[in-house]
Each structure stands twice: as C-alpha cells, then as structure tokens.
Amino acid sequence: MRSDDLDRTQLPELFQAEWCPASRRVRQRLTELDVSYVCRQVPVERDERELLVRTTGVDSVPVLVPRGGPVLVGEDAIRAYLDEHYEEPAGAEAHRLKAAKARRRELEEATR
C-alpha cells in the first residue's frame, strides 16, 4: 500500500516531543515495525498541553493512541503493546543498525 492510500483517520496517534529520549525510542520502534502513525508534537510546558490532556487524560509523553485500542502511556506500555500486536519485519534489524550508526555519528560530531 502506498502512503498516499493510507486512511489517516485509522492510524495510531503518537503524542511526543523531539527532546524526549523515550519518544525517540518509541518512534524508532514504530519505524522498525513499519507502523505508519500520526505524530502529535507536545508543547514543552505542561500547562500548554490541552490537546494531550483532553485526548488521553495525561500530560506526559510519550503516549500512543491506537485506533480501537487503549491509551498507552509511557515507553514501557507502548513497547509492550507494539511487541504484542505487530510482528517484527525482516528489515527491523537494518533499521536498528542504521539508527545506532547515526547516533554514534551525532555524538562524535557533538564532541568535536
């Protein structure tokens, strides 16, 4: 299925922040599992997270809202759900290796 053909109303929603390490790890796991999702950026300030609270009942990230499933709060709950509901495709390890290489390169550049 082409990404143009996806019914975005049926995609899981990930409430996350780029500065959150747990959000990055969840995004990486979603990529490894080849899961398309809608990414919702969450404001830094907790008192500005009205959409997150209204949708999920919590004000922390990451939160995954699968269609027809429970609201999953926190990296451990999200990973457990993903591992239970999605089979790991053949390309998952290649994604992990590429991500590790990119992180090493980023750390090397930051220490120069």
PDB file of N, CA and C in Angstrom:
ATOM      1  N   MET A   1       0.841  -1.182   0.000  1.00  0.00           N
ATOM      2  CA  MET A   1       0.000   0.000   0.000  1.00  0.00           C
ATOM      3  C   MET A   1       0.882   1.240   0.000  1.00  0.00           C
ATOM      4  N   ARG A   2       0.609   2.141  -0.875  1.00  0.00           N
ATOM      5  CA  ARG A   2       1.347   3.407  -0.922  1.00  0.00           C
ATOM      6  C   ARG A   2       0.900   4.291   0.228  1.00  0.00           C
ATOM      7  N   SER A   3       1.798   5.143   0.716  1.00  0.00           N
ATOM      8  CA  SER A   3       1.450   6.045   1.814  1.00  0.00           C
ATOM      9  C   SER A   3       0.320   6.988   1.420  1.00  0.00           C
ATOM     10  N   ASP A   4       0.197   7.309   0.128  1.00  0.00           N
ATOM     11  CA  ASP A   4      -0.900   8.161  -0.348  1.00  0.00           C
ATOM     12  C   ASP A   4      -2.251   7.499  -0.140  1.00  0.00           C
ATOM     13  N   ASP A   5      -2.268   6.170  -0.096  1.00  0.00           N
ATOM     14  CA  ASP A   5      -3.509   5.421   0.015  1.00  0.00           C
ATOM     15  C   ASP A   5      -3.933   5.183   1.468  1.00  0.00           C
ATOM     16  N   LEU A   6      -3.111   5.567   2.427  1.00  0.00           N
ATOM     17  CA  LEU A   6      -3.427   5.310   3.828  1.00  0.00           C
ATOM     18  C   LEU A   6      -4.615   6.133   4.279  1.00  0.00           C
ATOM     19  N   ASP A   7      -5.481   5.519   5.051  1.00  0.00           N
ATOM     20  CA  ASP A   7      -6.586   6.235   5.679  1.00  0.00           C
ATOM     21  C   ASP A   7      -6.056   6.783   6.998  1.00  0.00           C
ATOM     22  N   ARG A   8      -5.693   8.043   6.997  1.00  0.00           N
ATOM     23  CA  ARG A   8      -5.058   8.644   8.162  1.00  0.00           C
ATOM     24  C   ARG A   8      -5.965   8.664   9.388  1.00  0.00           C
ATOM     25  N   THR A   9      -7.275   8.536   9.201  1.00  0.00           N
ATOM     26  CA  THR A   9      -8.172   8.500  10.356  1.00  0.00           C
ATOM     27  C   THR A   9      -8.052   7.185  11.114  1.00  0.00           C
ATOM     28  N   GLN A  10      -7.419   6.188  10.506  1.00  0.00           N
ATOM     29  CA  GLN A  10      -7.265   4.886  11.149  1.00  0.00           C
ATOM     30  C   GLN A  10      -5.850   4.661  11.698  1.00  0.00           C
ATOM     31  N   LEU A  11      -4.983   5.647  11.558  1.00  0.00           N
ATOM     32  CA  LEU A  11      -3.616   5.493  12.035  1.00  0.00           C
ATOM     33  C   LEU A  11      -3.533   5.762  13.536  1.00  0.00           C
ATOM     34  N   PRO A  12      -2.644   5.047  14.226  1.00  0.00           N
ATOM     35  CA  PRO A  12      -2.406   5.382  15.628  1.00  0.00           C
ATOM     36  C   PRO A  12      -1.817   6.791  15.732  1.00  0.00           C
ATOM     37  N   GLU A  13      -2.062   7.433  16.863  1.00  0.00           N
ATOM     38  CA  GLU A  13      -1.506   8.764  17.108  1.00  0.00           C
ATOM     39  C   GLU A  13      -0.438   8.651  18.193  1.00  0.00           C
ATOM     40  N   LEU A  14       0.703   9.247  17.933  1.00  0.00           N
ATOM     41  CA  LEU A  14       1.778   9.303  18.921  1.00  0.00           C
ATOM     42  C   LEU A  14       1.936  10.739  19.381  1.00  0.00           C
ATOM     43  N   PHE A  15       1.667  10.983  20.655  1.00  0.00           N
ATOM     44  CA  PHE A  15       1.940  12.282  21.259  1.00  0.00           C
ATOM     45  C   PHE A  15       3.359  12.199  21.787  1.00  0.00           C
ATOM     46  N   GLN A  16       4.218  13.116  21.319  1.00  0.00           N
ATOM     47  CA  GLN A  16       5.644  13.003  21.618  1.00  0.00           C
ATOM     48  C   GLN A  16       6.316  14.357  21.546  1.00  0.00           C
ATOM     49  N   ALA A  17       7.586  14.378  21.910  1.00  0.00           N
ATOM     50  CA  ALA A  17       8.399  15.584  21.811  1.00  0.00           C
ATOM     51  C   ALA A  17       9.794  15.187  21.340  1.00  0.00           C
ATOM     52  N   GLU A  18      10.379  16.009  20.492  1.00  0.00           N
ATOM     53  CA  GLU A  18      11.705  15.715  19.958  1.00  0.00           C
ATOM     54  C   GLU A  18      12.776  15.683  21.048  1.00  0.00           C
ATOM     55  N   TRP A  19      12.577  16.432  22.121  1.00  0.00           N
ATOM     56  CA  TRP A  19      13.577  16.486  23.193  1.00  0.00           C
ATOM     57  C   TRP A  19      13.453  15.309  24.164  1.00  0.00           C
ATOM     58  N   CYS A  20      12.452  14.470  23.995  1.00  0.00           N
ATOM     59  CA  CYS A  20      12.184  13.364  24.919  1.00  0.00           C
ATOM     60  C   CYS A  20      12.854  12.083  24.426  1.00  0.00           C
ATOM     61  N   PRO A  21      13.830  11.548  25.177  1.00  0.00           N
ATOM     62  CA  PRO A  21      14.505  10.314  24.746  1.00  0.00           C
ATOM     63  C   PRO A  21      13.554   9.125  24.602  1.00  0.00           C
ATOM     64  N   ALA A  22      12.564   9.015  25.476  1.00  0.00           N
ATOM     65  CA  ALA A  22      11.610   7.906  25.372  1.00  0.00           C
ATOM     66  C   ALA A  22      10.788   8.032  24.097  1.00  0.00           C
ATOM     67  N   SER A  23      10.427   9.256  23.718  1.00  0.00           N
ATOM     68  CA  SER A  23       9.697   9.474  22.466  1.00  0.00           C
ATOM     69  C   SER A  23      10.536   9.028  21.277  1.00  0.00           C
ATOM     70  N   ARG A  24      11.817   9.349  21.299  1.00  0.00           N
ATOM     71  CA  ARG A  24      12.707   8.931  20.207  1.00  0.00           C
ATOM     72  C   ARG A  24      12.758   7.413  20.112  1.00  0.00           C
ATOM     73  N   ARG A  25      12.854   6.741  21.245  1.00  0.00           N
ATOM     74  CA  ARG A  25      12.923   5.278  21.225  1.00  0.00           C
ATOM     75  C   ARG A  25      11.608   4.668  20.718  1.00  0.00           C
ATOM     76  N   VAL A  26      10.481   5.261  21.077  1.00  0.00           N
ATOM     77  CA  VAL A  26       9.190   4.775  20.576  1.00  0.00           C
ATOM     78  C   VAL A  26       9.100   5.000  19.073  1.00  0.00           C
ATOM     79  N   ARG A  27       9.495   6.175  18.600  1.00  0.00           N
ATOM     80  CA  ARG A  27       9.488   6.426  17.153  1.00  0.00           C
ATOM     81  C   ARG A  27      10.363   5.410  16.428  1.00  0.00           C
ATOM     82  N   GLN A  28      11.519   5.113  17.013  1.00  0.00           N
ATOM     83  CA  GLN A  28      12.413   4.139  16.401  1.00  0.00           C
ATOM     84  C   GLN A  28      11.735   2.770  16.331  1.00  0.00           C
ATOM     85  N   ARG A  29      11.064   2.365  17.406  1.00  0.00           N
ATOM     86  CA  ARG A  29      10.398   1.050  17.402  1.00  0.00           C
ATOM     87  C   ARG A  29       9.270   1.017  16.368  1.00  0.00           C
ATOM     88  N   LEU A  30       8.510   2.097  16.257  1.00  0.00           N
ATOM     89  CA  LEU A  30       7.463   2.166  15.243  1.00  0.00           C
ATOM     90  C   LEU A  30       8.059   2.028  13.842  1.00  0.00           C
ATOM     91  N   THR A  31       9.208   2.661  13.609  1.00  0.00           N
ATOM     92  CA  THR A  31       9.893   2.558  12.323  1.00  0.00           C
ATOM     93  C   THR A  31      10.349   1.123  12.078  1.00  0.00           C
ATOM     94  N   GLU A  32      10.954   0.506  13.093  1.00  0.00           N
ATOM     95  CA  GLU A  32      11.415  -0.881  12.956  1.00  0.00           C
ATOM     96  C   GLU A  32      10.264  -1.808  12.581  1.00  0.00           C
ATOM     97  N   LEU A  33       9.088  -1.553  13.158  1.00  0.00           N
ATOM     98  CA  LEU A  33       7.923  -2.404  12.910  1.00  0.00           C
ATOM     99  C   LEU A  33       7.154  -1.998  11.653  1.00  0.00           C
ATOM    100  N   ASP A  34       7.615  -0.941  10.993  1.00  0.00           N
ATOM    101  CA  ASP A  34       6.984  -0.445   9.769  1.00  0.00           C
ATOM    102  C   ASP A  34       5.537  -0.023  10.019  1.00  0.00           C
ATOM    103  N   VAL A  35       5.317   0.654  11.142  1.00  0.00           N
ATOM    104  CA  VAL A  35       3.990   1.130  11.511  1.00  0.00           C
ATOM    105  C   VAL A  35       3.866   2.605  11.133  1.00  0.00           C
ATOM    106  N   SER A  36       2.895   2.909  10.298  1.00  0.00           N
ATOM    107  CA  SER A  36       2.592   4.311   9.984  1.00  0.00           C
ATOM    108  C   SER A  36       1.772   4.878  11.129  1.00  0.00           C
ATOM    109  N   TYR A  37       1.983   6.157  11.430  1.00  0.00           N
ATOM    110  CA  TYR A  37       1.275   6.779  12.547  1.00  0.00           C
ATOM    111  C   TYR A  37       1.213   8.278  12.335  1.00  0.00           C
ATOM    112  N   VAL A  38       0.345   8.916  13.099  1.00  0.00           N
ATOM    113  CA  VAL A  38       0.249  10.369  13.104  1.00  0.00           C
ATOM    114  C   VAL A  38       1.050  10.856  14.302  1.00  0.00           C
ATOM    115  N   CYS A  39       1.944  11.793  14.059  1.00  0.00           N
ATOM    116  CA  CYS A  39       2.796  12.324  15.117  1.00  0.00           C
ATOM    117  C   CYS A  39       2.225  13.653  15.605  1.00  0.00           C
ATOM    118  N   ARG A  40       1.959  13.738  16.893  1.00  0.00           N
ATOM    119  CA  ARG A  40       1.446  14.960  17.513  1.00  0.00           C
ATOM    120  C   ARG A  40       2.536  15.534  18.412  1.00  0.00           C
ATOM    121  N   GLN A  41       3.004  16.717  18.065  1.00  0.00           N
ATOM    122  CA  GLN A  41       4.018  17.382  18.877  1.00  0.00           C
ATOM    123  C   GLN A  41       3.368  17.936  20.144  1.00  0.00           C
ATOM    124  N   VAL A  42       4.044  17.788  21.244  1.00  0.00           N
ATOM    125  CA  VAL A  42       3.531  18.229  22.540  1.00  0.00           C
ATOM    126  C   VAL A  42       4.349  19.429  23.009  1.00  0.00           C
ATOM    127  N   PRO A  43       3.679  20.481  23.479  1.00  0.00           N
ATOM    128  CA  PRO A  43       4.412  21.645  23.986  1.00  0.00           C
ATOM    129  C   PRO A  43       5.321  21.280  25.169  1.00  0.00           C
ATOM    130  N   VAL A  44       6.369  22.046  25.328  1.00  0.00           N
ATOM    131  CA  VAL A  44       7.296  21.832  26.436  1.00  0.00           C
ATOM    132  C   VAL A  44       6.601  22.039  27.778  1.00  0.00           C
ATOM    133  N   GLU A  45       5.844  23.096  27.890  1.00  0.00           N
ATOM    134  CA  GLU A  45       5.188  23.438  29.158  1.00  0.00           C
ATOM    135  C   GLU A  45       3.945  22.581  29.363  1.00  0.00           C
ATOM    136  N   ARG A  46       3.881  21.920  30.521  1.00  0.00           N
ATOM    137  CA  ARG A  46       2.748  21.032  30.813  1.00  0.00           C
ATOM    138  C   ARG A  46       1.410  21.762  30.785  1.00  0.00           C
ATOM    139  N   ASP A  47       1.373  23.007  31.224  1.00  0.00           N
ATOM    140  CA  ASP A  47       0.098  23.730  31.264  1.00  0.00           C
ATOM    141  C   ASP A  47      -0.388  24.146  29.870  1.00  0.00           C
ATOM    142  N   GLU A  48       0.403  23.870  28.833  1.00  0.00           N
ATOM    143  CA  GLU A  48       0.005  24.179  27.460  1.00  0.00           C
ATOM    144  C   GLU A  48      -0.389  22.918  26.676  1.00  0.00           C
ATOM    145  N   ARG A  49      -0.548  21.812  27.356  1.00  0.00           N
ATOM    146  CA  ARG A  49      -0.811  20.529  26.691  1.00  0.00           C
ATOM    147  C   ARG A  49      -2.300  20.159  26.709  1.00  0.00           C
ATOM    148  N   GLU A  50      -3.161  21.117  26.370  1.00  0.00           N
ATOM    149  CA  GLU A  50      -4.600  20.893  26.440  1.00  0.00           C
ATOM    150  C   GLU A  50      -5.055  19.723  25.563  1.00  0.00           C
ATOM    151  N   LEU A  51      -4.568  19.656  24.304  1.00  0.00           N
ATOM    152  CA  LEU A  51      -4.979  18.586  23.406  1.00  0.00           C
ATOM    153  C   LEU A  51      -4.573  17.222  23.959  1.00  0.00           C
ATOM    154  N   LEU A  52      -3.364  17.126  24.455  1.00  0.00           N
ATOM    155  CA  LEU A  52      -2.885  15.867  25.026  1.00  0.00           C
ATOM    156  C   LEU A  52      -3.774  15.437  26.188  1.00  0.00           C
ATOM    157  N   VAL A  53      -4.031  16.335  27.113  1.00  0.00           N
ATOM    158  CA  VAL A  53      -4.845  16.008  28.288  1.00  0.00           C
ATOM    159  C   VAL A  53      -6.273  15.668  27.873  1.00  0.00           C
ATOM    160  N   ARG A  54      -6.842  16.447  26.985  1.00  0.00           N
ATOM    161  CA  ARG A  54      -8.217  16.215  26.531  1.00  0.00           C
ATOM    162  C   ARG A  54      -8.334  14.865  25.821  1.00  0.00           C
ATOM    163  N   THR A  55      -7.321  14.494  25.036  1.00  0.00           N
ATOM    164  CA  THR A  55      -7.364  13.255  24.255  1.00  0.00           C
ATOM    165  C   THR A  55      -7.011  12.026  25.080  1.00  0.00           C
ATOM    166  N   THR A  56      -6.051  12.175  25.995  1.00  0.00           N
ATOM    167  CA  THR A  56      -5.507  10.994  26.678  1.00  0.00           C
ATOM    168  C   THR A  56      -5.737  10.969  28.187  1.00  0.00           C
ATOM    169  N   GLY A  57      -5.998  12.126  28.781  1.00  0.00           N
ATOM    170  CA  GLY A  57      -6.169  12.183  30.225  1.00  0.00           C
ATOM    171  C   GLY A  57      -4.875  12.345  30.993  1.00  0.00           C
ATOM    172  N   VAL A  58      -3.749  12.462  30.293  1.00  0.00           N
ATOM    173  CA  VAL A  58      -2.448  12.634  30.945  1.00  0.00           C
ATOM    174  C   VAL A  58      -1.719  13.822  30.326  1.00  0.00           C
ATOM    175  N   ASP A  59      -0.659  14.269  31.010  1.00  0.00           N
ATOM    176  CA  ASP A  59       0.098  15.411  30.483  1.00  0.00           C
ATOM    177  C   ASP A  59       1.569  15.088  30.249  1.00  0.00           C
ATOM    178  N   SER A  60       1.906  13.789  30.154  1.00  0.00           N
ATOM    179  CA  SER A  60       3.295  13.394  29.941  1.00  0.00           C
ATOM    180  C   SER A  60       3.420  12.654  28.608  1.00  0.00           C
ATOM    181  N   VAL A  61       4.636  12.552  28.113  1.00  0.00           N
ATOM    182  CA  VAL A  61       4.914  11.858  26.859  1.00  0.00           C
ATOM    183  C   VAL A  61       5.942  10.770  27.095  1.00  0.00           C
ATOM    184  N   PRO A  62       5.985   9.802  26.212  1.00  0.00           N
ATOM    185  CA  PRO A  62       5.160   9.577  25.035  1.00  0.00           C
ATOM    186  C   PRO A  62       3.835   8.893  25.393  1.00  0.00           C
ATOM    187  N   VAL A  63       2.844   9.118  24.514  1.00  0.00           N
ATOM    188  CA  VAL A  63       1.535   8.464  24.629  1.00  0.00           C
ATOM    189  C   VAL A  63       1.152   7.991  23.239  1.00  0.00           C
ATOM    190  N   LEU A  64       0.740   6.739  23.137  1.00  0.00           N
ATOM    191  CA  LEU A  64       0.260   6.196  21.871  1.00  0.00           C
ATOM    192  C   LEU A  64      -1.232   5.910  22.003  1.00  0.00           C
ATOM    193  N   VAL A  65      -1.992   6.388  21.012  1.00  0.00           N
ATOM    194  CA  VAL A  65      -3.430   6.144  20.984  1.00  0.00           C
ATOM    195  C   VAL A  65      -3.718   5.308  19.735  1.00  0.00           C
ATOM    196  N   PRO A  66      -3.718   3.967  19.890  1.00  0.00           N
ATOM    197  CA  PRO A  66      -4.040   3.130  18.742  1.00  0.00           C
ATOM    198  C   PRO A  66      -5.530   3.192  18.454  1.00  0.00           C
ATOM    199  N   ARG A  67      -5.910   3.073  17.197  1.00  0.00           N
ATOM    200  CA  ARG A  67      -7.330   3.084  16.829  1.00  0.00           C
ATOM    201  C   ARG A  67      -7.987   1.827  17.384  1.00  0.00           C
ATOM    202  N   GLY A  68      -9.023   2.021  18.171  1.00  0.00           N
ATOM    203  CA  GLY A  68      -9.749   0.889  18.744  1.00  0.00           C
ATOM    204  C   GLY A  68      -9.046   0.250  19.916  1.00  0.00           C
ATOM    205  N   GLY A  69      -7.961   0.856  20.368  1.00  0.00           N
ATOM    206  CA  GLY A  69      -7.217   0.274  21.477  1.00  0.00           C
ATOM    207  C   GLY A  69      -7.158   1.219  22.653  1.00  0.00           C
ATOM    208  N   PRO A  70      -6.516   0.807  23.712  1.00  0.00           N
ATOM    209  CA  PRO A  70      -6.399   1.650  24.900  1.00  0.00           C
ATOM    210  C   PRO A  70      -5.365   2.753  24.707  1.00  0.00           C
ATOM    211  N   VAL A  71      -5.475   3.804  25.502  1.00  0.00           N
ATOM    212  CA  VAL A  71      -4.449   4.845  25.532  1.00  0.00           C
ATOM    213  C   VAL A  71      -3.252   4.257  26.265  1.00  0.00           C
ATOM    214  N   LEU A  72      -2.089   4.319  25.635  1.00  0.00           N
ATOM    215  CA  LEU A  72      -0.875   3.737  26.194  1.00  0.00           C
ATOM    216  C   LEU A  72       0.066   4.849  26.627  1.00  0.00           C
ATOM    217  N   VAL A  73       0.349   4.899  27.915  1.00  0.00           N
ATOM    218  CA  VAL A  73       1.150   5.978  28.489  1.00  0.00           C
ATOM    219  C   VAL A  73       2.521   5.433  28.874  1.00  0.00           C
ATOM    220  N   GLY A  74       3.554   6.058  28.339  1.00  0.00           N
ATOM    221  CA  GLY A  74       4.917   5.695  28.694  1.00  0.00           C
ATOM    222  C   GLY A  74       5.526   4.679  27.753  1.00  0.00           C
ATOM    223  N   GLU A  75       6.837   4.740  27.677  1.00  0.00           N
ATOM    224  CA  GLU A  75       7.582   3.891  26.749  1.00  0.00           C
ATOM    225  C   GLU A  75       7.353   2.401  26.997  1.00  0.00           C
ATOM    226  N   ASP A  76       7.377   1.961  28.242  1.00  0.00           N
ATOM    227  CA  ASP A  76       7.235   0.532  28.532  1.00  0.00           C
ATOM    228  C   ASP A  76       5.886  -0.005  28.069  1.00  0.00           C
ATOM    229  N   ALA A  77       4.808   0.713  28.367  1.00  0.00           N
ATOM    230  CA  ALA A  77       3.469   0.275  27.965  1.00  0.00           C
ATOM    231  C   ALA A  77       3.333   0.265  26.443  1.00  0.00           C
ATOM    232  N   ILE A  78       3.884   1.278  25.804  1.00  0.00           N
ATOM    233  CA  ILE A  78       3.804   1.365  24.334  1.00  0.00           C
ATOM    234  C   ILE A  78       4.571   0.223  23.692  1.00  0.00           C
ATOM    235  N   ARG A  79       5.796  -0.012  24.158  1.00  0.00           N
ATOM    236  CA  ARG A  79       6.614  -1.079  23.571  1.00  0.00           C
ATOM    237  C   ARG A  79       5.972  -2.441  23.776  1.00  0.00           C
ATOM    238  N   ALA A  80       5.414  -2.669  24.961  1.00  0.00           N
ATOM    239  CA  ALA A  80       4.751  -3.949  25.223  1.00  0.00           C
ATOM    240  C   ALA A  80       3.575  -4.150  24.269  1.00  0.00           C
ATOM    241  N   TYR A  81       2.788  -3.111  24.069  1.00  0.00           N
ATOM    242  CA  TYR A  81       1.654  -3.180  23.140  1.00  0.00           C
ATOM    243  C   TYR A  81       2.136  -3.459  21.716  1.00  0.00           C
ATOM    244  N   LEU A  82       3.130  -2.717  21.274  1.00  0.00           N
ATOM    245  CA  LEU A  82       3.640  -2.896  19.916  1.00  0.00           C
ATOM    246  C   LEU A  82       4.180  -4.302  19.711  1.00  0.00           C
ATOM    247  N   ASP A  83       4.942  -4.780  20.681  1.00  0.00           N
ATOM    248  CA  ASP A  83       5.526  -6.112  20.552  1.00  0.00           C
ATOM    249  C   ASP A  83       4.449  -7.201  20.553  1.00  0.00           C
ATOM    250  N   GLU A  84       3.334  -6.948  21.223  1.00  0.00           N
ATOM    251  CA  GLU A  84       2.232  -7.922  21.266  1.00  0.00           C
ATOM    252  C   GLU A  84       1.379  -7.885  19.994  1.00  0.00           C
ATOM    253  N   HIS A  85       1.242  -6.706  19.386  1.00  0.00           N
ATOM    254  CA  HIS A  85       0.311  -6.547  18.270  1.00  0.00           C
ATOM    255  C   HIS A  85       0.950  -6.495  16.883  1.00  0.00           C
ATOM    256  N   TYR A  86       2.261  -6.382  16.804  1.00  0.00           N
ATOM    257  CA  TYR A  86       2.924  -6.284  15.497  1.00  0.00           C
ATOM    258  C   TYR A  86       4.069  -7.278  15.420  1.00  0.00           C
ATOM    259  N   GLU A  87       4.148  -7.966  14.286  1.00  0.00           N
ATOM    260  CA  GLU A  87       5.286  -8.841  14.041  1.00  0.00           C
ATOM    261  C   GLU A  87       6.457  -8.010  13.560  1.00  0.00           C
ATOM    262  N   GLU A  88       7.631  -8.400  13.985  1.00  0.00           N
ATOM    263  CA  GLU A  88       8.821  -7.678  13.551  1.00  0.00           C
ATOM    264  C   GLU A  88       9.167  -8.095  12.124  1.00  0.00           C
ATOM    265  N   PRO A  89       9.200  -7.130  11.189  1.00  0.00           N
ATOM    266  CA  PRO A  89       9.526  -7.476   9.803  1.00  0.00           C
ATOM    267  C   PRO A  89      11.018  -7.750   9.630  1.00  0.00           C
ATOM    268  N   ALA A  90      11.348  -8.311   8.490  1.00  0.00           N
ATOM    269  CA  ALA A  90      12.740  -8.674   8.199  1.00  0.00           C
ATOM    270  C   ALA A  90      13.682  -7.479   8.257  1.00  0.00           C
ATOM    271  N   GLY A  91      13.211  -6.279   7.929  1.00  0.00           N
ATOM    272  CA  GLY A  91      14.079  -5.101   7.888  1.00  0.00           C
ATOM    273  C   GLY A  91      14.297  -4.415   9.218  1.00  0.00           C
ATOM    274  N   ALA A  92      13.733  -4.936  10.293  1.00  0.00           N
ATOM    275  CA  ALA A  92      13.831  -4.261  11.592  1.00  0.00           C
ATOM    276  C   ALA A  92      15.281  -4.119  12.061  1.00  0.00           C
ATOM    277  N   GLU A  93      16.056  -5.165  11.922  1.00  0.00           N
ATOM    278  CA  GLU A  93      17.449  -5.113  12.380  1.00  0.00           C
ATOM    279  C   GLU A  93      18.245  -4.085  11.587  1.00  0.00           C
ATOM    280  N   ALA A  94      17.989  -3.966  10.307  1.00  0.00           N
ATOM    281  CA  ALA A  94      18.675  -2.959   9.487  1.00  0.00           C
ATOM    282  C   ALA A  94      18.357  -1.555   9.987  1.00  0.00           C
ATOM    283  N   HIS A  95      17.108  -1.320  10.384  1.00  0.00           N
ATOM    284  CA  HIS A  95      16.739  -0.016  10.957  1.00  0.00           C
ATOM    285  C   HIS A  95      17.498   0.236  12.266  1.00  0.00           C
ATOM    286  N   ARG A  96      17.586  -0.781  13.125  1.00  0.00           N
ATOM    287  CA  ARG A  96      18.304  -0.631  14.398  1.00  0.00           C
ATOM    288  C   ARG A  96      19.767  -0.283  14.170  1.00  0.00           C
ATOM    289  N   LEU A  97      20.405  -0.992  13.238  1.00  0.00           N
ATOM    290  CA  LEU A  97      21.825  -0.753  12.959  1.00  0.00           C
ATOM    291  C   LEU A  97      22.047   0.649  12.399  1.00  0.00           C
ATOM    292  N   LYS A  98      21.174   1.065  11.484  1.00  0.00           N
ATOM    293  CA  LYS A  98      21.294   2.404  10.891  1.00  0.00           C
ATOM    294  C   LYS A  98      21.102   3.484  11.956  1.00  0.00           C
ATOM    295  N   ALA A  99      20.135   3.286  12.852  1.00  0.00           N
ATOM    296  CA  ALA A  99      19.884   4.255  13.927  1.00  0.00           C
ATOM    297  C   ALA A  99      21.083   4.335  14.869  1.00  0.00           C
ATOM    298  N   ALA A 100      21.667   3.194  15.210  1.00  0.00           N
ATOM    299  CA  ALA A 100      22.837   3.189  16.098  1.00  0.00           C
ATOM    300  C   ALA A 100      24.013   3.910  15.444  1.00  0.00           C
ATOM    301  N   LYS A 101      24.205   3.679  14.160  1.00  0.00           N
ATOM    302  CA  LYS A 101      25.284   4.353  13.426  1.00  0.00           C
ATOM    303  C   LYS A 101      25.055   5.864  13.408  1.00  0.00           C
ATOM    304  N   ALA A 102      23.820   6.282  13.182  1.00  0.00           N
ATOM    305  CA  ALA A 102      23.505   7.718  13.147  1.00  0.00           C
ATOM    306  C   ALA A 102      23.724   8.352  14.514  1.00  0.00           C
ATOM    307  N   ARG A 103      23.344   7.662  15.592  1.00  0.00           N
ATOM    308  CA  ARG A 103      23.566   8.199  16.943  1.00  0.00           C
ATOM    309  C   ARG A 103      25.051   8.328  17.254  1.00  0.00           C
ATOM    310  N   ARG A 104      25.849   7.322  16.859  1.00  0.00           N
ATOM    311  CA  ARG A 104      27.305   7.403  17.066  1.00  0.00           C
ATOM    312  C   ARG A 104      27.891   8.599  16.330  1.00  0.00           C
ATOM    313  N   ARG A 105      27.479   8.790  15.081  1.00  0.00           N
ATOM    314  CA  ARG A 105      27.959   9.907  14.286  1.00  0.00           C
ATOM    315  C   ARG A 105      27.556  11.236  14.936  1.00  0.00           C
ATOM    316  N   GLU A 106      26.336  11.331  15.417  1.00  0.00           N
ATOM    317  CA  GLU A 106      25.872  12.540  16.071  1.00  0.00           C
ATOM    318  C   GLU A 106      26.673  12.834  17.340  1.00  0.00           C
ATOM    319  N   LEU A 107      26.961  11.806  18.124  1.00  0.00           N
ATOM    320  CA  LEU A 107      27.775  12.002  19.336  1.00  0.00           C
ATOM    321  C   LEU A 107      29.192  12.422  18.986  1.00  0.00           C
ATOM    322  N   GLU A 108      29.757  11.826  17.959  1.00  0.00           N
ATOM    323  CA  GLU A 108      31.105  12.206  17.535  1.00  0.00           C
ATOM    324  C   GLU A 108      31.155  13.658  17.095  1.00  0.00           C
ATOM    325  N   GLU A 109      30.147  14.079  16.356  1.00  0.00           N
ATOM    326  CA  GLU A 109      30.102  15.469  15.902  1.00  0.00           C
ATOM    327  C   GLU A 109      29.915  16.420  17.072  1.00  0.00           C
ATOM    328  N   ALA A 110      29.157  16.026  18.053  1.00  0.00           N
ATOM    329  CA  ALA A 110      28.889  16.888  19.211  1.00  0.00           C
ATOM    330  C   ALA A 110      30.130  17.041  20.091  1.00  0.00           C
ATOM    331  N   THR A 111      31.018  16.069  20.089  1.00  0.00           N
ATOM    332  CA  THR A 111      32.213  16.134  20.929  1.00  0.00           C
ATOM    333  C   THR A 111      33.401  16.781  20.239  1.00  0.00           C
ATOM    334  N   ARG A 112      33.242  17.162  18.991  1.00  0.00           N
ATOM    335  CA  ARG A 112      34.352  17.816  18.272  1.00  0.00           C
ATOM    336  C   ARG A 112      34.456  19.259  18.662  1.00  0.00           C
TER     337      ARG A 112
END
